[in-house]
C-alpha atoms as a PDB file:
ATOM      1  CA  MET A   1     -92.161 -12.521 -96.251  1.00  0.00           C
ATOM      2  CA  ILE A   2     -90.868  -9.122 -95.936  1.00  0.00           C
ATOM      3  CA  SER A   3     -93.431  -7.891 -93.502  1.00  0.00           C
ATOM      4  CA  SER A   4     -91.644 -10.503 -90.636  1.00  0.00           C
ATOM      5  CA  ILE A   5     -88.761  -8.510 -90.457  1.00  0.00           C
ATOM      6  CA  SER A   6     -88.010  -8.003 -86.539  1.00  0.00           C
ATOM      7  CA  PRO A   7     -89.315  -4.710 -85.363  1.00  0.00           C
ATOM      8  CA  VAL A   8     -86.894  -1.825 -84.076  1.00  0.00           C
ATOM      9  CA  VAL A   9     -86.505  -2.340 -80.121  1.00  0.00           C
ATOM     10  CA  LEU A  10     -85.145   0.719 -78.241  1.00  0.00           C
ATOM     11  CA  GLU A  11     -85.522   0.672 -74.075  1.00  0.00           C
ATOM     12  CA  GLY A  12     -87.562  -2.409 -74.469  1.00  0.00           C
ATOM     13  CA  HIS A  13     -90.262  -1.116 -76.512  1.00  0.00           C
ATOM     14  CA  THR A  14     -91.414  -1.819 -80.011  1.00  0.00           C
ATOM     15  CA  GLY A  15     -94.393   0.845 -80.035  1.00  0.00           C
ATOM     16  CA  LEU A  16     -96.427  -2.248 -81.733  1.00  0.00           C
ATOM     17  CA  ASP A  17     -97.796  -3.409 -78.709  1.00  0.00           C
ATOM     18  CA  GLU A  18     -98.315  -0.397 -76.447  1.00  0.00           C
ATOM     19  CA  ASP A  19    -102.198  -0.798 -75.908  1.00  0.00           C
ATOM     20  CA  THR A  20    -101.607  -4.776 -74.582  1.00  0.00           C
ATOM     21  CA  SER A  21    -100.206  -5.690 -71.428  1.00  0.00           C
ATOM     22  CA  VAL A  22     -96.665  -6.549 -72.696  1.00  0.00           C
ATOM     23  CA  GLY A  23     -96.669  -2.645 -73.929  1.00  0.00           C
ATOM     24  CA  ASN A  24     -98.363  -1.762 -70.340  1.00  0.00           C
ATOM     25  CA  ASP A  25     -95.332  -3.711 -68.701  1.00  0.00           C
ATOM     26  CA  ALA A  26     -92.535  -2.004 -70.541  1.00  0.00           C
ATOM     27  CA  PHE A  27     -94.100   1.157 -70.494  1.00  0.00           C
ATOM     28  CA  GLN A  28     -94.096   0.738 -66.492  1.00  0.00           C
ATOM     29  CA  THR A  29     -90.744  -0.966 -66.330  1.00  0.00           C
ATOM     30  CA  SER A  30     -89.399   2.120 -67.943  1.00  0.00           C
ATOM     31  CA  MET A  31     -91.212   4.520 -65.611  1.00  0.00           C
ATOM     32  CA  ASN A  32     -90.094   2.574 -62.570  1.00  0.00           C
ATOM     33  CA  ARG A  33     -86.380   2.924 -63.661  1.00  0.00           C
ATOM     34  CA  TRP A  34     -86.509   6.432 -64.366  1.00  0.00           C
ATOM     35  CA  LEU A  35     -88.508   7.120 -61.014  1.00  0.00           C
ATOM     36  CA  ASP A  36     -85.715   5.366 -59.183  1.00  0.00           C
ATOM     37  CA  ALA A  37     -83.110   7.017 -60.726  1.00  0.00           C
ATOM     38  CA  ASN A  38     -84.991  10.529 -60.052  1.00  0.00           C
ATOM     39  CA  PRO A  39     -86.615  10.335 -56.772  1.00  0.00           C
ATOM     40  CA  GLY A  40     -89.245  12.885 -55.974  1.00  0.00           C
ATOM     41  CA  GLN A  41     -88.979  14.853 -59.572  1.00  0.00           C
ATOM     42  CA  ASP A  42     -92.028  15.406 -61.704  1.00  0.00           C
ATOM     43  CA  ALA A  43     -92.408  12.284 -63.983  1.00  0.00           C
ATOM     44  CA  LYS A  44     -94.708  14.332 -66.581  1.00  0.00           C
ATOM     45  CA  GLN A  45     -91.679  14.691 -69.047  1.00  0.00           C
ATOM     46  CA  GLU A  46     -90.723  11.316 -68.806  1.00  0.00           C
ATOM     47  CA  VAL A  47     -94.016  10.361 -69.429  1.00  0.00           C
ATOM     48  CA  MET A  48     -94.230  12.164 -72.747  1.00  0.00           C
ATOM     49  CA  ARG A  49     -91.360  10.919 -73.782  1.00  0.00           C
ATOM     50  CA  LEU A  50     -92.016   7.618 -73.448  1.00  0.00           C
ATOM     51  CA  ILE A  51     -95.483   8.237 -75.519  1.00  0.00           C
ATOM     52  CA  ALA A  52     -93.394   9.401 -77.929  1.00  0.00           C
ATOM     53  CA  LEU A  53     -91.043   6.926 -78.576  1.00  0.00           C
ATOM     54  CA  ASN A  54     -93.677   4.403 -78.370  1.00  0.00           C
ATOM     55  CA  ASP A  55     -95.586   6.325 -81.113  1.00  0.00           C
ATOM     56  CA  THR A  56     -92.882   6.515 -83.412  1.00  0.00           C
ATOM     57  CA  LEU A  57     -91.195   3.169 -82.852  1.00  0.00           C
ATOM     58  CA  ARG A  58     -94.933   2.257 -83.666  1.00  0.00           C
ATOM     59  CA  ARG A  59     -94.808   4.475 -87.292  1.00  0.00           C
ATOM     60  CA  TYR A  60     -91.179   3.166 -87.709  1.00  0.00           C
ATOM     61  CA  ASN A  61     -91.937  -0.534 -87.329  1.00  0.00           C
ATOM     62  CA  THR A  62     -95.009  -0.064 -89.290  1.00  0.00           C
ATOM     63  CA  LEU A  63     -93.486   1.671 -92.344  1.00  0.00           C
ATOM     64  CA  ARG A  64     -90.404   0.000 -92.896  1.00  0.00           C
ATOM     65  CA  PRO A  65     -91.348  -3.584 -93.665  1.00  0.00           C
ATOM     66  CA  LEU A  66     -94.054  -1.567 -95.770  1.00  0.00           C
ATOM     67  CA  LEU A  67     -91.211   0.163 -97.836  1.00  0.00           C
ATOM     68  CA  LEU A  68     -89.493  -2.969 -98.608  1.00  0.00           C
ATOM     69  CA  GLU A  69     -92.472  -4.423 -99.983  1.00  0.00           C
ATOM     70  CA  GLU A  70     -92.838  -1.259-102.212  1.00  0.00           C
ATOM     71  CA  GLU A  71     -89.204  -1.231-102.726  1.00  0.00           C
ATOM     72  CA  VAL A  72     -89.336  -5.244-104.322  1.00  0.00           C
ATOM     73  CA  ALA A  73     -92.968  -4.448-106.242  1.00  0.00           C
ATOM     74  CA  ARG A  74     -91.598  -1.453-108.013  1.00  0.00           C
ATOM     75  CA  GLN A  75     -88.582  -3.310-108.697  1.00  0.00           C
ATOM     76  CA  GLU A  76     -90.730  -6.229-110.393  1.00  0.00           C
ATOM     77  CA  ARG A  77     -92.236  -3.429-111.988  1.00  0.00           C
ATOM     78  CA  ASP A  78     -89.494  -1.703-113.715  1.00  0.00           C
ATOM     79  CA  ARG A  79     -88.339  -5.378-114.733  1.00  0.00           C
ATOM     80  CA  ALA A  80     -91.728  -6.262-116.406  1.00  0.00           C
ATOM     81  CA  LEU A  81     -91.736  -2.936-118.180  1.00  0.00           C
ATOM     82  CA  ARG A  82     -88.148  -3.551-119.428  1.00  0.00           C
ATOM     83  CA  GLN A  83     -88.919  -6.638-120.498  1.00  0.00           C
ATOM     84  CA  VAL A  84     -91.637  -5.612-122.775  1.00  0.00           C
ATOM     85  CA  GLU A  85     -89.436  -3.435-124.330  1.00  0.00           C
ATOM     86  CA  ASP A  86     -86.725  -6.294-124.886  1.00  0.00           C
ATOM     87  CA  LEU A  87     -89.611  -8.462-126.338  1.00  0.00           C
ATOM     88  CA  TRP A  88     -90.431  -5.878-128.653  1.00  0.00           C
ATOM     89  CA  ARG A  89     -86.976  -5.097-130.024  1.00  0.00           C
ATOM     90  CA  ALA A  90     -86.195  -8.906-130.427  1.00  0.00           C
ATOM     91  CA  LEU A  91     -89.411  -9.004-132.737  1.00  0.00           C
ATOM     92  CA  GLY A  92     -88.167  -6.635-134.930  1.00  0.00           C
ATOM     93  CA  ASP A  93     -83.917  -8.497-135.057  1.00  0.00           C
ATOM     94  CA  PRO A  94     -83.600  -9.219-138.379  1.00  0.00           C
ATOM     95  CA  ALA A  95     -80.948 -12.080-137.140  1.00  0.00           C
ATOM     96  CA  ALA A  96     -83.175 -13.491-135.110  1.00  0.00           C
ATOM     97  CA  THR A  97     -84.046 -17.544-135.587  1.00  0.00           C
ATOM     98  CA  GLY A  98     -87.216 -19.193-134.745  1.00  0.00           C
ATOM     99  CA  SER A  99     -90.978 -18.955-135.072  1.00  0.00           C
ATOM    100  CA  TRP A 100     -92.187 -14.868-135.289  1.00  0.00           C
ATOM    101  CA  LEU A 101     -95.070 -16.114-133.904  1.00  0.00           C
ATOM    102  CA  HIS A 102     -93.830 -17.433-131.011  1.00  0.00           C
ATOM    103  CA  ALA A 103     -91.732 -14.289-129.928  1.00  0.00           C
ATOM    104  CA  HIS A 104     -94.648 -11.962-130.425  1.00  0.00           C
ATOM    105  CA  GLN A 105     -96.710 -14.285-128.130  1.00  0.00           C
ATOM    106  CA  ALA A 106     -93.727 -13.910-125.774  1.00  0.00           C
ATOM    107  CA  TYR A 107     -93.982 -10.232-126.002  1.00  0.00           C
ATOM    108  CA  VAL A 108     -98.219 -10.295-125.727  1.00  0.00           C
ATOM    109  CA  ARG A 109     -97.550 -12.136-122.500  1.00  0.00           C
ATOM    110  CA  ALA A 110     -94.878  -9.662-121.451  1.00  0.00           C
ATOM    111  CA  VAL A 111     -97.302  -6.551-121.753  1.00  0.00           C
ATOM    112  CA  ASP A 112    -100.079  -8.342-119.787  1.00  0.00           C
ATOM    113  CA  ASP A 113     -97.309  -9.214-116.965  1.00  0.00           C
ATOM    114  CA  ALA A 114     -96.540  -5.786-116.905  1.00  0.00           C
ATOM    115  CA  ARG A 115    -100.142  -4.581-116.242  1.00  0.00           C
ATOM    116  CA  ILE A 116    -100.316  -7.007-113.591  1.00  0.00           C
ATOM    117  CA  ALA A 117     -96.820  -5.887-112.002  1.00  0.00           C
ATOM    118  CA  LEU A 118     -98.453  -2.272-112.100  1.00  0.00           C
ATOM    119  CA  ASP A 119    -101.307  -3.207-110.371  1.00  0.00           C
ATOM    120  CA  MET A 120     -99.141  -5.153-107.619  1.00  0.00           C
ATOM    121  CA  TRP A 121     -96.975  -2.116-106.805  1.00  0.00           C
ATOM    122  CA  ARG A 122    -100.017   0.371-106.881  1.00  0.00           C
ATOM    123  CA  GLU A 123    -101.406  -1.746-103.882  1.00  0.00           C
ATOM    124  CA  ARG A 124     -98.191  -1.989-102.189  1.00  0.00           C
ATOM    125  CA  ALA A 125     -97.526   1.762-102.931  1.00  0.00           C
ATOM    126  CA  ALA A 126    -101.028   2.672-101.518  1.00  0.00           C
ATOM    127  CA  THR A 127    -100.863   0.724 -98.648  1.00  0.00           C
ATOM    128  CA  THR A 128     -97.373   2.168 -97.344  1.00  0.00           C
ATOM    129  CA  LYS A 129     -98.858   5.540 -98.053  1.00  0.00           C
ATOM    130  CA  THR A 130    -101.310   4.918 -94.815  1.00  0.00           C
ATOM    131  CA  VAL A 131     -98.626   5.798 -93.037  1.00  0.00           C
ATOM    132  CA  VAL A 132     -98.084   9.493 -93.318  1.00  0.00           C
ATOM    133  CA  PHE A 133     -95.172  10.627 -90.827  1.00  0.00           C
ATOM    134  CA  VAL A 134     -92.757   8.843 -88.503  1.00  0.00           C
ATOM    135  CA  HIS A 135     -91.673  12.200 -86.605  1.00  0.00           C
ATOM    136  CA  ASP A 136     -93.279  15.578 -86.511  1.00  0.00           C
ATOM    137  CA  GLY A 137     -90.121  17.880 -87.272  1.00  0.00           C
ATOM    138  CA  ASP A 138     -87.269  19.313 -85.932  1.00  0.00           C
ATOM    139  CA  GLY A 139     -87.002  19.393 -82.243  1.00  0.00           C
ATOM    140  CA  GLY A 140     -90.091  17.425 -81.580  1.00  0.00           C
ATOM    141  CA  PRO A 141     -90.119  14.678 -79.415  1.00  0.00           C
ATOM    142  CA  ARG A 142     -91.017  12.207 -82.224  1.00  0.00           C
ATOM    143  CA  LYS A 143     -87.990  13.751 -83.810  1.00  0.00           C
ATOM    144  CA  VAL A 144     -85.816  13.254 -80.775  1.00  0.00           C
ATOM    145  CA  ALA A 145     -87.046   9.364 -80.987  1.00  0.00           C
ATOM    146  CA  TYR A 146     -86.697   9.407 -84.547  1.00  0.00           C
ATOM    147  CA  ASP A 147     -82.928  10.498 -84.271  1.00  0.00           C
ATOM    148  CA  GLN A 148     -82.718   8.007 -81.653  1.00  0.00           C
ATOM    149  CA  ILE A 149     -83.632   5.084 -83.850  1.00  0.00           C
ATOM    150  CA  LEU A 150     -81.196   6.463 -86.501  1.00  0.00           C
ATOM    151  CA  ALA A 151     -78.408   6.562 -83.877  1.00  0.00           C
ATOM    152  CA  ALA A 152     -78.648   3.025 -82.949  1.00  0.00           C
ATOM    153  CA  GLY A 153     -77.764   2.055 -86.561  1.00  0.00           C
ATOM    154  CA  HIS A 154     -81.482   1.458 -88.026  1.00  0.00           C
ATOM    155  CA  PRO A 155     -82.263   2.797 -91.818  1.00  0.00           C
ATOM    156  CA  PRO A 156     -83.945   5.631 -92.096  1.00  0.00           C
ATOM    157  CA  ALA A 157     -87.741   5.234 -93.082  1.00  0.00           C
ATOM    158  CA  GLU A 158     -89.603   8.212 -94.696  1.00  0.00           C
ATOM    159  CA  PRO A 159     -93.200   7.790 -96.089  1.00  0.00           C
ATOM    160  CA  LEU A 160     -93.877   7.828 -99.639  1.00  0.00           C
ATOM    161  CA  THR A 161     -94.272  11.300-101.123  1.00  0.00           C
ATOM    162  CA  ILE A 162     -95.676  10.240-104.993  1.00  0.00           C
ATOM    163  CA  ASP A 163     -99.083   9.375-105.536  1.00  0.00           C
ATOM    164  CA  PRO A 164     -99.365   5.598-106.349  1.00  0.00           C
ATOM    165  CA  ALA A 165    -102.590   6.145-108.231  1.00  0.00           C
ATOM    166  CA  THR A 166    -101.081   8.750-110.523  1.00  0.00           C
ATOM    167  CA  VAL A 167     -97.557   7.279-111.224  1.00  0.00           C
ATOM    168  CA  THR A 168     -99.699   3.973-112.596  1.00  0.00           C
ATOM    169  CA  GLU A 169    -102.142   5.827-114.535  1.00  0.00           C
ATOM    170  CA  GLN A 170     -99.022   7.466-116.095  1.00  0.00           C
ATOM    171  CA  LEU A 171     -97.240   4.380-116.659  1.00  0.00           C
ATOM    172  CA  LEU A 172    -100.223   2.623-117.792  1.00  0.00           C
ATOM    173  CA  ALA A 173    -101.162   4.488-120.554  1.00  0.00           C
ATOM    174  CA  ASN A 174     -97.599   4.733-121.838  1.00  0.00           C
ATOM    175  CA  LEU A 175     -97.648   1.058-122.304  1.00  0.00           C
ATOM    176  CA  GLU A 176    -101.163   0.781-123.774  1.00  0.00           C
ATOM    177  CA  GLN A 177    -100.294   3.857-126.115  1.00  0.00           C
ATOM    178  CA  ALA A 178     -97.164   1.592-127.152  1.00  0.00           C
ATOM    179  CA  HIS A 179     -98.679  -1.786-127.282  1.00  0.00           C
ATOM    180  CA  GLU A 180    -101.679  -0.258-129.360  1.00  0.00           C
ATOM    181  CA  TYR A 181     -99.364   1.250-132.032  1.00  0.00           C
ATOM    182  CA  ARG A 182     -97.178  -1.826-131.958  1.00  0.00           C
ATOM    183  CA  THR A 183    -100.172  -4.203-132.455  1.00  0.00           C
ATOM    184  CA  ARG A 184    -100.964  -2.528-135.717  1.00  0.00           C
ATOM    185  CA  LEU A 185     -97.424  -2.820-136.892  1.00  0.00           C
ATOM    186  CA  ALA A 186     -97.244  -6.682-136.234  1.00  0.00           C
ATOM    187  CA  ALA A 187    -100.548  -6.856-137.797  1.00  0.00           C
ATOM    188  CA  GLN A 188     -99.008  -5.851-141.115  1.00  0.00           C
ATOM    189  CA  THR A 189     -96.311  -8.267-140.396  1.00  0.00           C
ATOM    190  CA  ALA A 190     -98.496 -11.075-139.374  1.00  0.00           C
ATOM    191  CA  GLY A 191    -100.367 -10.802-142.705  1.00  0.00           C
ATOM    192  CA  LEU A 192     -97.427 -10.797-144.643  1.00  0.00           C
ATOM    193  CA  LEU A 193     -96.545 -13.994-142.699  1.00  0.00           C
ATOM    194  CA  GLN A 194     -99.627 -15.642-143.483  1.00  0.00           C
ATOM    195  CA  LYS A 195     -99.451 -14.592-146.882  1.00  0.00           C
ATOM    196  CA  ASP A 196     -96.097 -17.082-147.222  1.00  0.00           C
ATOM    197  CA  GLY A 197     -97.256 -19.740-145.088  1.00  0.00           C
ATOM    198  CA  ASP A 198     -94.134 -18.721-142.790  1.00  0.00           C
ATOM    199  CA  LEU A 199     -96.194 -18.592-139.158  1.00  0.00           C
END
Protein backbone atom coordinates (compact mmCIF):
# COMPACT_ATOMS: atom_id res chain seq x y z
CA MET A 1 0.00 0.00 0.00
CA ILE A 2 1.44 3.34 -1.06
CA SER A 3 0.21 5.20 2.02
CA SER A 4 2.44 2.94 4.15
CA ILE A 5 5.68 4.52 2.87
CA SER A 6 7.97 5.53 5.68
CA PRO A 7 7.51 9.12 6.84
CA VAL A 8 10.40 11.56 6.68
CA VAL A 9 12.14 11.98 10.03
CA LEU A 10 14.19 15.11 10.77
CA GLU A 11 15.82 15.76 14.11
CA GLY A 12 13.73 12.94 15.55
CA HIS A 13 10.43 14.45 14.37
CA THR A 14 7.83 13.30 11.80
CA GLY A 15 5.10 15.83 12.62
CA LEU A 16 2.55 13.00 12.62
CA ASP A 17 2.62 12.37 16.34
CA GLU A 18 2.83 15.91 17.67
CA ASP A 19 -0.25 15.50 19.92
CA THR A 20 0.98 12.23 21.44
CA SER A 21 3.41 11.39 24.19
CA VAL A 22 5.92 10.27 21.54
CA GLY A 23 5.72 13.63 19.81
CA ASN A 24 5.89 15.53 23.08
CA ASP A 25 8.94 13.52 24.15
CA ALA A 26 10.68 14.23 20.82
CA PHE A 27 9.90 17.93 21.17
CA GLN A 28 11.23 18.02 24.72
CA THR A 29 14.36 16.12 23.70
CA SER A 30 15.05 18.69 20.98
CA MET A 31 14.48 21.54 23.40
CA ASN A 32 16.75 20.01 26.03
CA ARG A 33 19.47 19.55 23.44
CA TRP A 34 19.15 23.19 22.38
CA LEU A 35 19.10 24.47 25.98
CA ASP A 36 22.23 22.45 26.78
CA ALA A 37 23.99 23.97 23.78
CA ASN A 38 22.71 27.50 24.48
CA PRO A 39 22.65 28.02 28.26
CA GLY A 40 20.94 31.16 29.46
CA GLN A 41 19.58 32.13 26.03
CA ASP A 42 15.93 32.84 25.17
CA ALA A 43 14.45 29.67 23.68
CA LYS A 44 11.42 31.34 22.06
CA GLN A 45 12.89 31.35 18.55
CA GLU A 46 13.88 27.69 18.82
CA VAL A 47 10.39 26.79 20.03
CA MET A 48 8.90 28.54 16.98
CA ARG A 49 11.39 26.77 14.68
CA LEU A 50 10.48 23.37 16.07
CA ILE A 51 6.76 24.12 15.76
CA ALA A 52 7.27 25.10 12.11
CA LEU A 53 9.41 22.01 11.49
CA ASN A 54 6.76 19.71 12.94
CA ASP A 55 3.93 21.42 11.07
CA THR A 56 5.82 21.22 7.77
CA LEU A 57 6.76 17.59 8.35
CA ARG A 58 3.15 16.74 9.18
CA ARG A 59 1.93 18.34 5.96
CA TYR A 60 4.73 16.79 3.89
CA ASN A 61 4.32 13.32 5.39
CA THR A 62 0.55 13.52 4.83
CA LEU A 63 0.77 14.86 1.28
CA ARG A 64 3.57 12.68 -0.10
CA PRO A 65 1.72 9.31 0.00
CA LEU A 66 -1.46 11.01 -1.24
CA LEU A 67 0.41 12.37 -4.25
CA LEU A 68 1.75 8.90 -5.03
CA GLU A 69 -1.75 7.40 -4.80
CA GLU A 70 -3.08 10.15 -7.08
CA GLU A 71 -0.28 9.49 -9.57
CA VAL A 72 -1.05 5.75 -9.69
CA ALA A 73 -4.78 6.48 -10.13
CA ARG A 74 -4.00 9.03 -12.87
CA GLN A 75 -1.85 6.51 -14.72
CA GLU A 76 -4.67 3.95 -14.51
CA ARG A 77 -7.16 6.59 -15.69
CA ASP A 78 -5.00 7.43 -18.71
CA ARG A 79 -4.37 3.74 -19.45
CA ALA A 80 -8.12 3.04 -19.36
CA LEU A 81 -8.86 5.94 -21.71
CA ARG A 82 -6.16 4.75 -24.14
CA GLN A 83 -7.63 1.25 -24.02
CA VAL A 84 -10.97 2.62 -25.17
CA GLU A 85 -9.32 4.26 -28.17
CA ASP A 86 -7.25 1.17 -28.99
CA LEU A 87 -10.27 -1.15 -28.90
CA TRP A 88 -12.35 1.22 -30.99
CA ARG A 89 -9.63 1.30 -33.65
CA ALA A 90 -9.47 -2.50 -33.53
CA LEU A 91 -13.17 -2.65 -34.35
CA GLY A 92 -12.52 -0.85 -37.61
CA ASP A 93 -9.49 -2.89 -38.61
CA PRO A 94 -10.31 -4.60 -41.93
CA ALA A 95 -7.55 -7.15 -41.32
CA ALA A 96 -8.98 -8.21 -37.95
CA THR A 97 -10.05 -11.79 -37.49
CA GLY A 98 -12.47 -13.15 -34.95
CA SER A 99 -15.90 -12.12 -33.82
CA TRP A 100 -16.84 -8.46 -34.33
CA LEU A 101 -19.41 -8.87 -31.55
CA HIS A 102 -16.74 -10.00 -29.07
CA ALA A 103 -14.49 -7.14 -30.12
CA HIS A 104 -17.35 -4.69 -29.63
CA GLN A 105 -18.10 -6.14 -26.22
CA ALA A 106 -14.46 -5.59 -25.24
CA TYR A 107 -14.78 -1.96 -26.35
CA VAL A 108 -17.99 -1.48 -24.31
CA ARG A 109 -16.33 -2.97 -21.24
CA ALA A 110 -13.35 -0.66 -21.73
CA VAL A 111 -15.68 2.34 -21.73
CA ASP A 112 -17.18 1.19 -18.45
CA ASP A 113 -13.72 0.56 -17.00
CA ALA A 114 -12.69 4.08 -18.03
CA ARG A 115 -15.69 5.53 -16.19
CA ILE A 116 -14.65 3.66 -13.05
CA ALA A 117 -11.01 4.74 -13.42
CA LEU A 118 -12.07 8.36 -13.83
CA ASP A 119 -14.16 8.20 -10.68
CA MET A 120 -11.36 6.54 -8.71
CA TRP A 121 -8.88 9.18 -9.85
CA ARG A 122 -11.28 11.97 -8.92
CA GLU A 123 -11.60 10.55 -5.40
CA ARG A 124 -7.83 10.19 -4.97
CA ALA A 125 -7.16 13.66 -6.34
CA ALA A 126 -9.87 15.24 -4.17
CA THR A 127 -8.34 13.62 -1.09
CA THR A 128 -4.92 14.91 -2.12
CA LYS A 129 -6.36 18.43 -2.41
CA THR A 130 -7.14 18.44 1.32
CA VAL A 131 -3.49 19.37 1.92
CA VAL A 132 -3.47 22.91 0.58
CA PHE A 133 0.13 23.88 1.37
CA VAL A 134 3.33 22.47 2.82
CA HIS A 135 5.21 25.71 3.42
CA ASP A 136 4.27 29.37 3.67
CA GLY A 137 6.36 30.93 0.95
CA ASP A 138 9.85 32.35 0.66
CA GLY A 139 11.69 33.07 3.86
CA GLY A 140 9.09 31.82 6.35
CA PRO A 141 9.96 29.21 8.96
CA ARG A 142 7.92 26.53 7.17
CA LYS A 143 9.74 27.25 3.91
CA VAL A 144 13.04 26.88 5.78
CA ALA A 145 11.80 23.53 7.15
CA TYR A 146 10.69 22.44 3.66
CA ASP A 147 14.12 23.30 2.26
CA GLN A 148 15.59 21.21 5.08
CA ILE A 149 13.46 18.24 3.93
CA LEU A 150 14.67 18.63 0.35
CA ALA A 151 18.28 19.08 1.45
CA ALA A 152 18.02 15.74 3.25
CA GLY A 153 17.40 14.12 -0.16
CA HIS A 154 13.62 13.76 -0.10
CA PRO A 155 11.56 14.53 -3.21
CA PRO A 156 9.45 17.68 -3.55
CA ALA A 157 5.80 17.37 -2.52
CA GLU A 158 3.68 20.18 -3.91
CA PRO A 159 -0.12 20.32 -3.51
CA LEU A 160 -2.26 19.75 -6.60
CA THR A 161 -3.34 22.94 -8.34
CA ILE A 162 -6.02 21.38 -10.56
CA ASP A 163 -9.71 20.97 -9.77
CA PRO A 164 -10.32 17.20 -9.87
CA ALA A 165 -14.08 17.58 -10.35
CA THR A 166 -13.65 19.86 -13.37
CA VAL A 167 -10.99 17.67 -14.99
CA THR A 168 -13.11 14.55 -14.45
CA GLU A 169 -16.19 16.26 -15.85
CA GLN A 170 -14.31 17.27 -19.00
CA LEU A 171 -12.73 13.85 -19.56
CA LEU A 172 -16.02 12.06 -18.87
CA ALA A 173 -17.91 14.37 -21.24
CA ASN A 174 -15.37 13.61 -23.98
CA LEU A 175 -15.66 9.88 -23.31
CA GLU A 176 -19.46 9.86 -23.32
CA GLN A 177 -19.75 12.05 -26.41
CA ALA A 178 -17.39 9.80 -28.37
CA HIS A 179 -19.10 6.67 -27.07
CA GLU A 180 -22.56 7.93 -28.03
CA TYR A 181 -21.37 8.67 -31.56
CA ARG A 182 -19.58 5.34 -31.85
CA THR A 183 -22.62 3.48 -30.55
CA ARG A 184 -24.67 4.89 -33.43
CA LEU A 185 -22.02 3.81 -35.92
CA ALA A 186 -21.72 0.37 -34.35
CA ALA A 187 -25.49 -0.10 -34.48
CA GLN A 188 -25.38 0.29 -38.26
CA THR A 189 -22.67 -2.37 -38.55
CA ALA A 190 -24.48 -4.67 -36.14
CA GLY A 191 -27.63 -4.33 -38.23
CA LEU A 192 -25.79 -5.41 -41.35
CA LEU A 193 -24.15 -8.31 -39.54
CA GLN A 194 -27.53 -9.50 -38.29
CA LYS A 195 -28.84 -9.56 -41.83
CA ASP A 196 -25.82 -11.58 -42.96
CA GLY A 197 -25.92 -13.84 -39.90
CA ASP A 198 -22.31 -13.02 -39.09
CA LEU A 199 -22.74 -11.99 -35.46
